[in-house]
């Protein structure tokens, strides 16, 4: 495992946001959902393509808070432009489970 400095870690901007819209992304190579996440007035709304279909359906994600990296450059995922990386951990089968705060926190709050 490569070591990084604390300063390197601080360069990664991880924020909490609320999913305001979610829909299936059937055109993706691997099953995915398109997410629109609101990070509050400082950052606003950003989009992500997330391979989370094993544990989540689009309609059940609306209103949920998630953690995401907001300072990676955007990536084109097929016809969809992904602007953030929503964070998750693999379950025992390697399927993504979202990382979420265990209490309500203000949108846009930075992880540190």
PDB file of N, CA and C in Angstrom:
ATOM      1  N   UNK A   1       0.839  -1.160   0.000  1.00  0.00           N
ATOM      2  CA  UNK A   1       0.000   0.000   0.000  1.00  0.00           C
ATOM      3  C   UNK A   1       0.897   1.240   0.000  1.00  0.00           C
ATOM      4  N   UNK A   2       0.625   2.152  -0.905  1.00  0.00           N
ATOM      5  CA  UNK A   2       1.414   3.378  -1.012  1.00  0.00           C
ATOM      6  C   UNK A   2       1.002   4.368   0.069  1.00  0.00           C
ATOM      7  N   UNK A   3       1.973   4.982   0.701  1.00  0.00           N
ATOM      8  CA  UNK A   3       1.687   6.002   1.704  1.00  0.00           C
ATOM      9  C   UNK A   3       1.512   7.356   1.037  1.00  0.00           C
ATOM     10  N   UNK A   4       0.646   8.171   1.626  1.00  0.00           N
ATOM     11  CA  UNK A   4       0.501   9.556   1.184  1.00  0.00           C
ATOM     12  C   UNK A   4       0.662  10.447   2.409  1.00  0.00           C
ATOM     13  N   UNK A   5       0.939  11.696   2.166  1.00  0.00           N
ATOM     14  CA  UNK A   5       1.067  12.639   3.276  1.00  0.00           C
ATOM     15  C   UNK A   5      -0.323  13.134   3.680  1.00  0.00           C
ATOM     16  N   UNK A   6      -0.393  13.726   4.862  1.00  0.00           N
ATOM     17  CA  UNK A   6      -1.646  14.317   5.310  1.00  0.00           C
ATOM     18  C   UNK A   6      -2.072  15.430   4.355  1.00  0.00           C
ATOM     19  N   UNK A   7      -1.109  16.174   3.827  1.00  0.00           N
ATOM     20  CA  UNK A   7      -1.411  17.238   2.862  1.00  0.00           C
ATOM     21  C   UNK A   7      -2.043  16.658   1.596  1.00  0.00           C
ATOM     22  N   UNK A   8      -1.553  15.479   1.138  1.00  0.00           N
ATOM     23  CA  UNK A   8      -2.168  14.810  -0.012  1.00  0.00           C
ATOM     24  C   UNK A   8      -3.623  14.481   0.285  1.00  0.00           C
ATOM     25  N   UNK A   9      -3.883  13.939   1.477  1.00  0.00           N
ATOM     26  CA  UNK A   9      -5.246  13.593   1.869  1.00  0.00           C
ATOM     27  C   UNK A   9      -6.143  14.822   1.848  1.00  0.00           C
ATOM     28  N   UNK A  10      -5.640  15.943   2.347  1.00  0.00           N
ATOM     29  CA  UNK A  10      -6.451  17.158   2.399  1.00  0.00           C
ATOM     30  C   UNK A  10      -6.814  17.689   1.015  1.00  0.00           C
ATOM     31  N   UNK A  11      -6.076  17.293   0.000  1.00  0.00           N
ATOM     32  CA  UNK A  11      -6.385  17.728  -1.368  1.00  0.00           C
ATOM     33  C   UNK A  11      -7.629  17.040  -1.911  1.00  0.00           C
ATOM     34  N   UNK A  12      -8.018  15.900  -1.321  1.00  0.00           N
ATOM     35  CA  UNK A  12      -9.222  15.183  -1.747  1.00  0.00           C
ATOM     36  C   UNK A  12     -10.410  15.817  -1.038  1.00  0.00           C
ATOM     37  N   UNK A  13     -11.315  16.388  -1.801  1.00  0.00           N
ATOM     38  CA  UNK A  13     -12.458  17.112  -1.245  1.00  0.00           C
ATOM     39  C   UNK A  13     -13.674  16.179  -1.208  1.00  0.00           C
ATOM     40  N   UNK A  14     -13.933  15.617  -0.025  1.00  0.00           N
ATOM     41  CA  UNK A  14     -15.059  14.700   0.164  1.00  0.00           C
ATOM     42  C   UNK A  14     -16.147  15.455   0.902  1.00  0.00           C
ATOM     43  N   UNK A  15     -17.329  15.509   0.298  1.00  0.00           N
ATOM     44  CA  UNK A  15     -18.446  16.272   0.854  1.00  0.00           C
ATOM     45  C   UNK A  15     -19.690  15.385   0.981  1.00  0.00           C
ATOM     46  N   UNK A  16     -20.611  15.835   1.817  1.00  0.00           N
ATOM     47  CA  UNK A  16     -21.905  15.170   1.941  1.00  0.00           C
ATOM     48  C   UNK A  16     -22.906  15.932   1.081  1.00  0.00           C
ATOM     49  N   UNK A  17     -23.726  15.162   0.379  1.00  0.00           N
ATOM     50  CA  UNK A  17     -24.776  15.743  -0.441  1.00  0.00           C
ATOM     51  C   UNK A  17     -26.030  14.906  -0.337  1.00  0.00           C
ATOM     52  N   UNK A  18     -27.130  15.451  -0.840  1.00  0.00           N
ATOM     53  CA  UNK A  18     -28.411  14.753  -0.821  1.00  0.00           C
ATOM     54  C   UNK A  18     -28.820  14.406  -2.255  1.00  0.00           C
ATOM     55  N   UNK A  19     -29.171  13.153  -2.469  1.00  0.00           N
ATOM     56  CA  UNK A  19     -29.628  12.726  -3.788  1.00  0.00           C
ATOM     57  C   UNK A  19     -31.002  13.334  -4.035  1.00  0.00           C
ATOM     58  N   UNK A  20     -31.105  14.137  -5.108  1.00  0.00           N
ATOM     59  CA  UNK A  20     -32.362  14.806  -5.433  1.00  0.00           C
ATOM     60  C   UNK A  20     -33.052  14.183  -6.645  1.00  0.00           C
ATOM     61  N   UNK A  21     -32.307  13.398  -7.385  1.00  0.00           N
ATOM     62  CA  UNK A  21     -32.859  12.731  -8.569  1.00  0.00           C
ATOM     63  C   UNK A  21     -32.022  11.497  -8.836  1.00  0.00           C
ATOM     64  N   UNK A  22     -32.684  10.428  -9.265  1.00  0.00           N
ATOM     65  CA  UNK A  22     -31.976   9.192  -9.611  1.00  0.00           C
ATOM     66  C   UNK A  22     -32.789   8.471 -10.669  1.00  0.00           C
ATOM     67  N   UNK A  23     -32.082   7.898 -11.625  1.00  0.00           N
ATOM     68  CA  UNK A  23     -32.779   7.137 -12.669  1.00  0.00           C
ATOM     69  C   UNK A  23     -31.861   6.055 -13.212  1.00  0.00           C
ATOM     70  N   UNK A  24     -32.462   4.999 -13.733  1.00  0.00           N
ATOM     71  CA  UNK A  24     -31.647   3.921 -14.315  1.00  0.00           C
ATOM     72  C   UNK A  24     -30.823   4.448 -15.483  1.00  0.00           C
ATOM     73  N   UNK A  25     -29.698   3.798 -15.713  1.00  0.00           N
ATOM     74  CA  UNK A  25     -28.825   4.141 -16.834  1.00  0.00           C
ATOM     75  C   UNK A  25     -28.617   2.875 -17.674  1.00  0.00           C
ATOM     76  N   UNK A  26     -29.646   2.484 -18.433  1.00  0.00           N
ATOM     77  CA  UNK A  26     -29.578   1.220 -19.179  1.00  0.00           C
ATOM     78  C   UNK A  26     -28.523   1.206 -20.288  1.00  0.00           C
ATOM     79  N   UNK A  27     -28.072   2.376 -20.734  1.00  0.00           N
ATOM     80  CA  UNK A  27     -27.065   2.430 -21.802  1.00  0.00           C
ATOM     81  C   UNK A  27     -25.654   2.146 -21.294  1.00  0.00           C
ATOM     82  N   UNK A  28     -25.458   2.152 -19.993  1.00  0.00           N
ATOM     83  CA  UNK A  28     -24.126   1.911 -19.427  1.00  0.00           C
ATOM     84  C   UNK A  28     -23.676   0.480 -19.715  1.00  0.00           C
ATOM     85  N   UNK A  29     -22.359   0.280 -19.855  1.00  0.00           N
ATOM     86  CA  UNK A  29     -21.810  -1.069 -20.094  1.00  0.00           C
ATOM     87  C   UNK A  29     -22.090  -1.998 -18.929  1.00  0.00           C
ATOM     88  N   UNK A  30     -21.925  -1.491 -17.702  1.00  0.00           N
ATOM     89  CA  UNK A  30     -22.251  -2.254 -16.499  1.00  0.00           C
ATOM     90  C   UNK A  30     -23.482  -1.609 -15.877  1.00  0.00           C
ATOM     91  N   UNK A  31     -24.358  -2.382 -15.255  1.00  0.00           N
ATOM     92  CA  UNK A  31     -25.574  -1.801 -14.668  1.00  0.00           C
ATOM     93  C   UNK A  31     -25.236  -0.627 -13.737  1.00  0.00           C
ATOM     94  N   UNK A  32     -25.924   0.492 -13.955  1.00  0.00           N
ATOM     95  CA  UNK A  32     -25.630   1.705 -13.191  1.00  0.00           C
ATOM     96  C   UNK A  32     -26.885   2.546 -13.029  1.00  0.00           C
ATOM     97  N   UNK A  33     -26.785   3.508 -12.122  1.00  0.00           N
ATOM     98  CA  UNK A  33     -27.817   4.514 -11.933  1.00  0.00           C
ATOM     99  C   UNK A  33     -27.205   5.881 -12.167  1.00  0.00           C
ATOM    100  N   UNK A  34     -27.996   6.789 -12.718  1.00  0.00           N
ATOM    101  CA  UNK A  34     -27.589   8.189 -12.834  1.00  0.00           C
ATOM    102  C   UNK A  34     -28.118   8.910 -11.602  1.00  0.00           C
ATOM    103  N   UNK A  35     -27.235   9.644 -10.930  1.00  0.00           N
ATOM    104  CA  UNK A  35     -27.602  10.359  -9.714  1.00  0.00           C
ATOM    105  C   UNK A  35     -27.344  11.850  -9.870  1.00  0.00           C
ATOM    106  N   UNK A  36     -28.233  12.658  -9.305  1.00  0.00           N
ATOM    107  CA  UNK A  36     -28.050  14.094  -9.187  1.00  0.00           C
ATOM    108  C   UNK A  36     -28.011  14.387  -7.692  1.00  0.00           C
ATOM    109  N   UNK A  37     -26.893  14.960  -7.231  1.00  0.00           N
ATOM    110  CA  UNK A  37     -26.666  15.145  -5.806  1.00  0.00           C
ATOM    111  C   UNK A  37     -26.497  16.632  -5.516  1.00  0.00           C
ATOM    112  N   UNK A  38     -27.252  17.131  -4.525  1.00  0.00           N
ATOM    113  CA  UNK A  38     -27.183  18.535  -4.133  1.00  0.00           C
ATOM    114  C   UNK A  38     -26.234  18.679  -2.947  1.00  0.00           C
ATOM    115  N   UNK A  39     -25.189  19.500  -3.130  1.00  0.00           N
ATOM    116  CA  UNK A  39     -24.192  19.751  -2.097  1.00  0.00           C
ATOM    117  C   UNK A  39     -24.358  21.122  -1.447  1.00  0.00           C
ATOM    118  N   UNK A  40     -25.510  21.740  -1.595  1.00  0.00           N
ATOM    119  CA  UNK A  40     -25.751  23.035  -0.975  1.00  0.00           C
ATOM    120  C   UNK A  40     -25.266  24.188  -1.833  1.00  0.00           C
ATOM    121  N   UNK A  41     -25.400  25.418  -1.333  1.00  0.00           N
ATOM    122  CA  UNK A  41     -25.143  26.607  -2.148  1.00  0.00           C
ATOM    123  C   UNK A  41     -23.704  26.783  -2.615  1.00  0.00           C
ATOM    124  N   UNK A  42     -22.728  26.324  -1.855  1.00  0.00           N
ATOM    125  CA  UNK A  42     -21.327  26.527  -2.257  1.00  0.00           C
ATOM    126  C   UNK A  42     -20.959  25.723  -3.501  1.00  0.00           C
ATOM    127  N   UNK A  43     -21.424  24.494  -3.593  1.00  0.00           N
ATOM    128  CA  UNK A  43     -21.050  23.596  -4.697  1.00  0.00           C
ATOM    129  C   UNK A  43     -22.205  23.385  -5.663  1.00  0.00           C
ATOM    130  N   UNK A  44     -23.418  23.336  -5.154  1.00  0.00           N
ATOM    131  CA  UNK A  44     -24.590  23.131  -5.993  1.00  0.00           C
ATOM    132  C   UNK A  44     -24.831  21.663  -6.311  1.00  0.00           C
ATOM    133  N   UNK A  45     -25.539  21.445  -7.397  1.00  0.00           N
ATOM    134  CA  UNK A  45     -25.915  20.090  -7.805  1.00  0.00           C
ATOM    135  C   UNK A  45     -24.875  19.524  -8.775  1.00  0.00           C
ATOM    136  N   UNK A  46     -24.501  18.272  -8.557  1.00  0.00           N
ATOM    137  CA  UNK A  46     -23.549  17.576  -9.428  1.00  0.00           C
ATOM    138  C   UNK A  46     -24.109  16.204  -9.782  1.00  0.00           C
ATOM    139  N   UNK A  47     -23.629  15.645 -10.903  1.00  0.00           N
ATOM    140  CA  UNK A  47     -24.121  14.362 -11.405  1.00  0.00           C
ATOM    141  C   UNK A  47     -23.072  13.263 -11.251  1.00  0.00           C
ATOM    142  N   UNK A  48     -23.572  12.031 -11.136  1.00  0.00           N
ATOM    143  CA  UNK A  48     -22.683  10.884 -11.056  1.00  0.00           C
ATOM    144  C   UNK A  48     -23.351   9.665 -11.656  1.00  0.00           C
ATOM    145  N   UNK A  49     -22.549   8.810 -12.260  1.00  0.00           N
ATOM    146  CA  UNK A  49     -22.989   7.487 -12.673  1.00  0.00           C
ATOM    147  C   UNK A  49     -22.428   6.515 -11.646  1.00  0.00           C
ATOM    148  N   UNK A  50     -23.295   5.715 -11.032  1.00  0.00           N
ATOM    149  CA  UNK A  50     -22.864   4.841  -9.948  1.00  0.00           C
ATOM    150  C   UNK A  50     -23.324   3.402 -10.187  1.00  0.00           C
ATOM    151  N   UNK A  51     -22.401   2.467 -10.070  1.00  0.00           N
ATOM    152  CA  UNK A  51     -22.706   1.046 -10.242  1.00  0.00           C
ATOM    153  C   UNK A  51     -23.170   0.469  -8.907  1.00  0.00           C
ATOM    154  N   UNK A  52     -24.392   0.811  -8.542  1.00  0.00           N
ATOM    155  CA  UNK A  52     -24.934   0.445  -7.239  1.00  0.00           C
ATOM    156  C   UNK A  52     -26.267  -0.291  -7.354  1.00  0.00           C
ATOM    157  N   UNK A  53     -26.537  -0.887  -8.504  1.00  0.00           N
ATOM    158  CA  UNK A  53     -27.861  -1.468  -8.767  1.00  0.00           C
ATOM    159  C   UNK A  53     -28.164  -2.744  -7.997  1.00  0.00           C
ATOM    160  N   UNK A  54     -27.185  -3.399  -7.443  1.00  0.00           N
ATOM    161  CA  UNK A  54     -27.448  -4.636  -6.692  1.00  0.00           C
ATOM    162  C   UNK A  54     -28.147  -4.354  -5.366  1.00  0.00           C
ATOM    163  N   UNK A  55     -27.853  -3.210  -4.751  1.00  0.00           N
ATOM    164  CA  UNK A  55     -28.426  -2.898  -3.443  1.00  0.00           C
ATOM    165  C   UNK A  55     -29.446  -1.767  -3.468  1.00  0.00           C
ATOM    166  N   UNK A  56     -29.528  -1.010  -4.575  1.00  0.00           N
ATOM    167  CA  UNK A  56     -30.367   0.182  -4.582  1.00  0.00           C
ATOM    168  C   UNK A  56     -31.176   0.290  -5.866  1.00  0.00           C
ATOM    169  N   UNK A  57     -32.389   0.792  -5.710  1.00  0.00           N
ATOM    170  CA  UNK A  57     -33.222   1.160  -6.852  1.00  0.00           C
ATOM    171  C   UNK A  57     -33.335   2.678  -6.856  1.00  0.00           C
ATOM    172  N   UNK A  58     -33.461   3.247  -8.048  1.00  0.00           N
ATOM    173  CA  UNK A  58     -33.443   4.705  -8.192  1.00  0.00           C
ATOM    174  C   UNK A  58     -34.407   5.397  -7.242  1.00  0.00           C
ATOM    175  N   UNK A  59     -35.643   4.948  -7.191  1.00  0.00           N
ATOM    176  CA  UNK A  59     -36.660   5.654  -6.403  1.00  0.00           C
ATOM    177  C   UNK A  59     -36.385   5.627  -4.893  1.00  0.00           C
ATOM    178  N   UNK A  60     -35.675   4.632  -4.394  1.00  0.00           N
ATOM    179  CA  UNK A  60     -35.405   4.566  -2.957  1.00  0.00           C
ATOM    180  C   UNK A  60     -34.230   5.460  -2.534  1.00  0.00           C
ATOM    181  N   UNK A  61     -33.505   6.021  -3.492  1.00  0.00           N
ATOM    182  CA  UNK A  61     -32.344   6.851  -3.174  1.00  0.00           C
ATOM    183  C   UNK A  61     -32.677   8.331  -2.973  1.00  0.00           C
ATOM    184  N   UNK A  62     -33.821   8.766  -3.480  1.00  0.00           N
ATOM    185  CA  UNK A  62     -34.187  10.179  -3.391  1.00  0.00           C
ATOM    186  C   UNK A  62     -34.252  10.601  -1.917  1.00  0.00           C
ATOM    187  N   UNK A  63     -33.548  11.692  -1.597  1.00  0.00           N
ATOM    188  CA  UNK A  63     -33.550  12.221  -0.241  1.00  0.00           C
ATOM    189  C   UNK A  63     -32.443  11.681   0.650  1.00  0.00           C
ATOM    190  N   UNK A  64     -31.728  10.654   0.200  1.00  0.00           N
ATOM    191  CA  UNK A  64     -30.657  10.081   1.021  1.00  0.00           C
ATOM    192  C   UNK A  64     -29.392  10.915   0.925  1.00  0.00           C
ATOM    193  N   UNK A  65     -28.673  10.991   2.031  1.00  0.00           N
ATOM    194  CA  UNK A  65     -27.383  11.655   2.020  1.00  0.00           C
ATOM    195  C   UNK A  65     -26.294  10.650   1.661  1.00  0.00           C
ATOM    196  N   UNK A  66     -25.289  11.124   0.908  1.00  0.00           N
ATOM    197  CA  UNK A  66     -24.155  10.293   0.493  1.00  0.00           C
ATOM    198  C   UNK A  66     -22.880  11.107   0.596  1.00  0.00           C
ATOM    199  N   UNK A  67     -21.753  10.403   0.618  1.00  0.00           N
ATOM    200  CA  UNK A  67     -20.447  11.056   0.563  1.00  0.00           C
ATOM    201  C   UNK A  67     -19.903  10.922  -0.849  1.00  0.00           C
ATOM    202  N   UNK A  68     -19.225  11.973  -1.325  1.00  0.00           N
ATOM    203  CA  UNK A  68     -18.673  11.950  -2.675  1.00  0.00           C
ATOM    204  C   UNK A  68     -17.429  12.820  -2.764  1.00  0.00           C
ATOM    205  N   UNK A  69     -16.518  12.422  -3.643  1.00  0.00           N
ATOM    206  CA  UNK A  69     -15.368  13.258  -3.986  1.00  0.00           C
ATOM    207  C   UNK A  69     -15.873  14.259  -5.014  1.00  0.00           C
ATOM    208  N   UNK A  70     -15.701  15.548  -4.711  1.00  0.00           N
ATOM    209  CA  UNK A  70     -16.244  16.590  -5.593  1.00  0.00           C
ATOM    210  C   UNK A  70     -15.174  17.315  -6.406  1.00  0.00           C
ATOM    211  N   UNK A  71     -13.890  16.979  -6.207  1.00  0.00           N
ATOM    212  CA  UNK A  71     -12.859  17.717  -6.943  1.00  0.00           C
ATOM    213  C   UNK A  71     -12.057  16.859  -7.915  1.00  0.00           C
ATOM    214  N   UNK A  72     -12.605  15.719  -8.350  1.00  0.00           N
ATOM    215  CA  UNK A  72     -12.012  14.997  -9.471  1.00  0.00           C
ATOM    216  C   UNK A  72     -12.484  15.662 -10.760  1.00  0.00           C
ATOM    217  N   UNK A  73     -11.705  15.557 -11.834  1.00  0.00           N
ATOM    218  CA  UNK A  73     -12.202  16.088 -13.111  1.00  0.00           C
ATOM    219  C   UNK A  73     -13.390  15.254 -13.604  1.00  0.00           C
ATOM    220  N   UNK A  74     -14.338  15.867 -14.308  1.00  0.00           N
ATOM    221  CA  UNK A  74     -15.485  15.118 -14.842  1.00  0.00           C
ATOM    222  C   UNK A  74     -15.027  14.004 -15.787  1.00  0.00           C
ATOM    223  N   UNK A  75     -15.826  12.928 -15.840  1.00  0.00           N
ATOM    224  CA  UNK A  75     -15.557  11.799 -16.748  1.00  0.00           C
ATOM    225  C   UNK A  75     -16.789  11.534 -17.587  1.00  0.00           C
ATOM    226  N   UNK A  76     -16.566  11.242 -18.847  1.00  0.00           N
ATOM    227  CA  UNK A  76     -17.658  10.892 -19.730  1.00  0.00           C
ATOM    228  C   UNK A  76     -17.908   9.399 -19.604  1.00  0.00           C
ATOM    229  N   UNK A  77     -19.106   9.025 -19.151  1.00  0.00           N
ATOM    230  CA  UNK A  77     -19.498   7.626 -19.007  1.00  0.00           C
ATOM    231  C   UNK A  77     -20.585   7.391 -20.047  1.00  0.00           C
ATOM    232  N   UNK A  78     -20.191   6.921 -21.224  1.00  0.00           N
ATOM    233  CA  UNK A  78     -21.151   6.805 -22.327  1.00  0.00           C
ATOM    234  C   UNK A  78     -21.620   8.196 -22.712  1.00  0.00           C
ATOM    235  N   UNK A  79     -22.936   8.394 -22.721  1.00  0.00           N
ATOM    236  CA  UNK A  79     -23.502   9.694 -23.076  1.00  0.00           C
ATOM    237  C   UNK A  79     -23.716  10.590 -21.856  1.00  0.00           C
ATOM    238  N   UNK A  80     -23.298  10.133 -20.685  1.00  0.00           N
ATOM    239  CA  UNK A  80     -23.541  10.846 -19.433  1.00  0.00           C
ATOM    240  C   UNK A  80     -22.228  11.376 -18.878  1.00  0.00           C
ATOM    241  N   UNK A  81     -22.225  12.626 -18.434  1.00  0.00           N
ATOM    242  CA  UNK A  81     -21.022  13.244 -17.867  1.00  0.00           C
ATOM    243  C   UNK A  81     -21.081  13.144 -16.341  1.00  0.00           C
ATOM    244  N   UNK A  82     -20.189  12.366 -15.773  1.00  0.00           N
ATOM    245  CA  UNK A  82     -20.123  12.163 -14.332  1.00  0.00           C
ATOM    246  C   UNK A  82     -19.181  13.199 -13.731  1.00  0.00           C
ATOM    247  N   UNK A  83     -19.681  13.985 -12.777  1.00  0.00           N
ATOM    248  CA  UNK A  83     -18.922  15.104 -12.227  1.00  0.00           C
ATOM    249  C   UNK A  83     -18.351  14.836 -10.835  1.00  0.00           C
ATOM    250  N   UNK A  84     -18.836  13.799 -10.175  1.00  0.00           N
ATOM    251  CA  UNK A  84     -18.394  13.460  -8.823  1.00  0.00           C
ATOM    252  C   UNK A  84     -18.219  11.947  -8.723  1.00  0.00           C
ATOM    253  N   UNK A  85     -17.532  11.517  -7.679  1.00  0.00           N
ATOM    254  CA  UNK A  85     -17.402  10.087  -7.393  1.00  0.00           C
ATOM    255  C   UNK A  85     -18.107   9.810  -6.073  1.00  0.00           C
ATOM    256  N   UNK A  86     -19.279   9.167  -6.159  1.00  0.00           N
ATOM    257  CA  UNK A  86     -20.016   8.769  -4.967  1.00  0.00           C
ATOM    258  C   UNK A  86     -19.260   7.604  -4.331  1.00  0.00           C
ATOM    259  N   UNK A  87     -19.087   7.653  -3.018  1.00  0.00           N
ATOM    260  CA  UNK A  87     -18.240   6.676  -2.332  1.00  0.00           C
ATOM    261  C   UNK A  87     -19.029   5.504  -1.767  1.00  0.00           C
ATOM    262  N   UNK A  88     -18.415   4.332  -1.854  1.00  0.00           N
ATOM    263  CA  UNK A  88     -19.016   3.124  -1.315  1.00  0.00           C
ATOM    264  C   UNK A  88     -17.944   2.115  -0.974  1.00  0.00           C
ATOM    265  N   UNK A  89     -18.385   1.037  -0.369  1.00  0.00           N
ATOM    266  CA  UNK A  89     -17.502  -0.069   0.010  1.00  0.00           C
ATOM    267  C   UNK A  89     -18.065  -1.359  -0.557  1.00  0.00           C
ATOM    268  N   UNK A  90     -17.199  -2.325  -0.905  1.00  0.00           N
ATOM    269  CA  UNK A  90     -17.716  -3.588  -1.436  1.00  0.00           C
ATOM    270  C   UNK A  90     -18.266  -4.478  -0.320  1.00  0.00           C
ATOM    271  N   UNK A  91     -19.388  -5.139  -0.616  1.00  0.00           N
ATOM    272  CA  UNK A  91     -19.889  -6.148   0.313  1.00  0.00           C
ATOM    273  C   UNK A  91     -19.119  -7.444   0.063  1.00  0.00           C
ATOM    274  N   UNK A  92     -19.543  -8.541   0.679  1.00  0.00           N
ATOM    275  CA  UNK A  92     -18.821  -9.808   0.540  1.00  0.00           C
ATOM    276  C   UNK A  92     -18.805 -10.335  -0.894  1.00  0.00           C
ATOM    277  N   UNK A  93     -19.722  -9.848  -1.748  1.00  0.00           N
ATOM    278  CA  UNK A  93     -19.753 -10.260  -3.157  1.00  0.00           C
ATOM    279  C   UNK A  93     -19.111  -9.228  -4.084  1.00  0.00           C
ATOM    280  N   UNK A  94     -18.547  -8.165  -3.504  1.00  0.00           N
ATOM    281  CA  UNK A  94     -17.917  -7.132  -4.314  1.00  0.00           C
ATOM    282  C   UNK A  94     -18.887  -6.082  -4.833  1.00  0.00           C
ATOM    283  N   UNK A  95     -20.126  -6.099  -4.380  1.00  0.00           N
ATOM    284  CA  UNK A  95     -21.129  -5.125  -4.814  1.00  0.00           C
ATOM    285  C   UNK A  95     -21.072  -3.901  -3.898  1.00  0.00           C
ATOM    286  N   UNK A  96     -21.268  -2.723  -4.479  1.00  0.00           N
ATOM    287  CA  UNK A  96     -21.077  -1.461  -3.754  1.00  0.00           C
ATOM    288  C   UNK A  96     -22.225  -1.170  -2.787  1.00  0.00           C
ATOM    289  N   UNK A  97     -21.827  -0.828  -1.555  1.00  0.00           N
ATOM    290  CA  UNK A  97     -22.737  -0.322  -0.529  1.00  0.00           C
ATOM    291  C   UNK A  97     -22.300   1.117  -0.258  1.00  0.00           C
ATOM    292  N   UNK A  98     -23.233   2.047  -0.351  1.00  0.00           N
ATOM    293  CA  UNK A  98     -22.908   3.461  -0.193  1.00  0.00           C
ATOM    294  C   UNK A  98     -22.404   3.793   1.210  1.00  0.00           C
ATOM    295  N   UNK A  99     -21.467   4.746   1.281  1.00  0.00           N
ATOM    296  CA  UNK A  99     -21.007   5.292   2.549  1.00  0.00           C
ATOM    297  C   UNK A  99     -21.895   6.500   2.850  1.00  0.00           C
ATOM    298  N   UNK A 100     -22.548   6.469   4.007  1.00  0.00           N
ATOM    299  CA  UNK A 100     -23.484   7.535   4.372  1.00  0.00           C
ATOM    300  C   UNK A 100     -23.250   7.957   5.821  1.00  0.00           C
ATOM    301  N   UNK A 101     -23.559   9.227   6.159  1.00  0.00           N
ATOM    302  CA  UNK A 101     -23.471   9.621   7.561  1.00  0.00           C
ATOM    303  C   UNK A 101     -24.559   8.909   8.364  1.00  0.00           C
ATOM    304  N   UNK A 102     -24.294   8.633   9.641  1.00  0.00           N
ATOM    305  CA  UNK A 102     -25.310   7.940  10.433  1.00  0.00           C
ATOM    306  C   UNK A 102     -26.282   8.900  11.114  1.00  0.00           C
ATOM    307  N   UNK A 103     -26.092  10.204  10.917  1.00  0.00           N
ATOM    308  CA  UNK A 103     -27.028  11.236  11.361  1.00  0.00           C
ATOM    309  C   UNK A 103     -27.110  12.295  10.267  1.00  0.00           C
ATOM    310  N   UNK A 104     -28.222  13.048  10.246  1.00  0.00           N
ATOM    311  CA  UNK A 104     -28.377  14.151   9.301  1.00  0.00           C
ATOM    312  C   UNK A 104     -27.296  15.184   9.542  1.00  0.00           C
ATOM    313  N   UNK A 105     -26.663  15.624   8.475  1.00  0.00           N
ATOM    314  CA  UNK A 105     -25.662  16.700   8.545  1.00  0.00           C
ATOM    315  C   UNK A 105     -25.953  17.692   7.432  1.00  0.00           C
ATOM    316  N   UNK A 106     -25.494  18.942   7.561  1.00  0.00           N
ATOM    317  CA  UNK A 106     -25.761  19.937   6.535  1.00  0.00           C
ATOM    318  C   UNK A 106     -25.122  19.574   5.190  1.00  0.00           C
ATOM    319  N   UNK A 107     -25.867  19.778   4.098  1.00  0.00           N
ATOM    320  CA  UNK A 107     -25.357  19.530   2.750  1.00  0.00           C
ATOM    321  C   UNK A 107     -24.112  20.350   2.506  1.00  0.00           C
ATOM    322  N   UNK A 108     -23.138  19.725   1.879  1.00  0.00           N
ATOM    323  CA  UNK A 108     -21.891  20.413   1.551  1.00  0.00           C
ATOM    324  C   UNK A 108     -20.819  20.288   2.598  1.00  0.00           C
ATOM    325  N   UNK A 109     -21.149  19.700   3.750  1.00  0.00           N
ATOM    326  CA  UNK A 109     -20.148  19.539   4.797  1.00  0.00           C
ATOM    327  C   UNK A 109     -18.971  18.702   4.315  1.00  0.00           C
ATOM    328  N   UNK A 110     -17.780  19.149   4.655  1.00  0.00           N
ATOM    329  CA  UNK A 110     -16.564  18.473   4.199  1.00  0.00           C
ATOM    330  C   UNK A 110     -16.099  17.438   5.212  1.00  0.00           C
ATOM    331  N   UNK A 111     -15.729  16.266   4.707  1.00  0.00           N
ATOM    332  CA  UNK A 111     -15.187  15.230   5.560  1.00  0.00           C
ATOM    333  C   UNK A 111     -13.748  15.573   5.926  1.00  0.00           C
ATOM    334  N   UNK A 112     -13.415  15.399   7.186  1.00  0.00           N
ATOM    335  CA  UNK A 112     -12.036  15.595   7.635  1.00  0.00           C
ATOM    336  C   UNK A 112     -11.782  14.731   8.833  1.00  0.00           C
TER     337      UNK A 112
END
